[in-house]
């Protein structure tokens, strides 16, 4: 989210250890923890909370959009000119 220019974060209180949640966010933001590790720790702490990220992917905000698979094959661009 920092790469998107987001400089302020608001955590929506949930029925879990919000001090630990805030610490996880801070550790990820400060580069002390990888985001996938942060996700795993949040899932363990906030068992009944559904995560969402749709807004950041141009989808409905409440949706959880999977990140693109970096190992997926990308379509090749043709270097040949298209005949007219």
Protein backbone atom coordinates (compact mmCIF):
# COMPACT_ATOMS: atom_id res chain seq x y z
CA UNK A 1 0.00 0.00 0.00
CA UNK A 2 2.93 2.31 0.57
CA UNK A 3 3.91 1.82 -3.08
CA UNK A 4 0.42 3.09 -3.98
CA UNK A 5 1.09 6.34 -2.09
CA UNK A 6 -1.02 5.49 0.97
CA UNK A 7 0.58 7.20 3.95
CA UNK A 8 -2.07 6.75 6.66
CA UNK A 9 -3.72 3.54 7.80
CA UNK A 10 -6.87 3.01 9.84
CA UNK A 11 -7.42 -0.30 11.57
CA UNK A 12 -11.04 -1.23 12.11
CA UNK A 13 -11.33 -2.64 15.66
CA UNK A 14 -12.26 -6.31 15.80
CA UNK A 15 -12.89 -8.74 18.63
CA UNK A 16 -9.25 -9.82 18.86
CA UNK A 17 -5.91 -8.57 20.19
CA UNK A 18 -5.79 -5.21 18.40
CA UNK A 19 -2.48 -4.30 20.04
CA UNK A 20 -0.94 -7.36 18.37
CA UNK A 21 -2.68 -6.46 15.10
CA UNK A 22 -1.25 -2.94 15.20
CA UNK A 23 2.20 -4.38 15.94
CA UNK A 24 2.00 -6.68 12.92
CA UNK A 25 1.03 -3.79 10.66
CA UNK A 26 3.90 -1.69 12.07
CA UNK A 27 6.40 -4.51 11.57
CA UNK A 28 5.33 -5.01 7.95
CA UNK A 29 5.35 -1.27 7.25
CA UNK A 30 8.82 -0.90 8.76
CA UNK A 31 10.17 -3.87 6.79
CA UNK A 32 10.77 -6.05 9.87
CA UNK A 33 8.29 -8.65 8.63
CA UNK A 34 7.30 -9.87 5.16
CA UNK A 35 3.70 -9.16 4.19
CA UNK A 36 2.87 -12.86 3.71
CA UNK A 37 4.11 -13.55 7.27
CA UNK A 38 1.98 -10.62 8.48
CA UNK A 39 -1.05 -12.09 6.69
CA UNK A 40 -0.45 -15.45 8.37
CA UNK A 41 -0.11 -13.89 11.82
CA UNK A 42 -3.24 -11.78 11.32
CA UNK A 43 -5.20 -14.85 10.24
CA UNK A 44 -4.09 -16.65 13.42
CA UNK A 45 -5.05 -13.73 15.68
CA UNK A 46 -8.29 -12.72 13.93
CA UNK A 47 -9.78 -16.15 13.26
CA UNK A 48 -13.33 -15.04 12.44
CA UNK A 49 -12.49 -11.89 10.48
CA UNK A 50 -12.87 -11.92 6.70
CA UNK A 51 -10.08 -9.98 5.02
CA UNK A 52 -10.68 -7.83 1.96
CA UNK A 53 -8.59 -5.92 -0.55
CA UNK A 54 -10.95 -5.40 -3.48
CA UNK A 55 -10.66 -1.62 -3.36
CA UNK A 56 -6.94 -1.79 -4.16
CA UNK A 57 -7.61 -3.98 -7.18
CA UNK A 58 -10.50 -1.98 -8.64
CA UNK A 59 -13.09 -4.51 -7.44
CA UNK A 60 -15.84 -4.30 -4.83
CA UNK A 61 -14.07 -3.27 -1.62
CA UNK A 62 -15.35 -6.18 0.46
CA UNK A 63 -13.92 -8.75 -1.97
CA UNK A 64 -10.63 -10.55 -1.41
CA UNK A 65 -8.68 -10.46 -4.66
CA UNK A 66 -5.81 -12.91 -4.95
CA UNK A 67 -2.50 -11.30 -5.89
CA UNK A 68 -1.20 -12.06 -9.37
CA UNK A 69 0.87 -15.23 -9.57
CA UNK A 70 4.43 -14.09 -10.35
CA UNK A 71 5.23 -17.53 -11.76
CA UNK A 72 2.32 -17.51 -14.22
CA UNK A 73 3.25 -17.42 -17.89
CA UNK A 74 2.75 -14.06 -19.50
CA UNK A 75 1.46 -13.76 -23.08
CA UNK A 76 4.24 -13.13 -25.53
CA UNK A 77 4.16 -10.03 -27.64
CA UNK A 78 4.64 -10.68 -31.30
CA UNK A 79 7.58 -8.90 -32.85
CA UNK A 80 6.30 -9.58 -36.36
CA UNK A 81 4.35 -6.86 -38.08
CA UNK A 82 0.73 -7.64 -38.79
CA UNK A 83 0.05 -7.72 -42.55
CA UNK A 84 -2.63 -5.40 -43.88
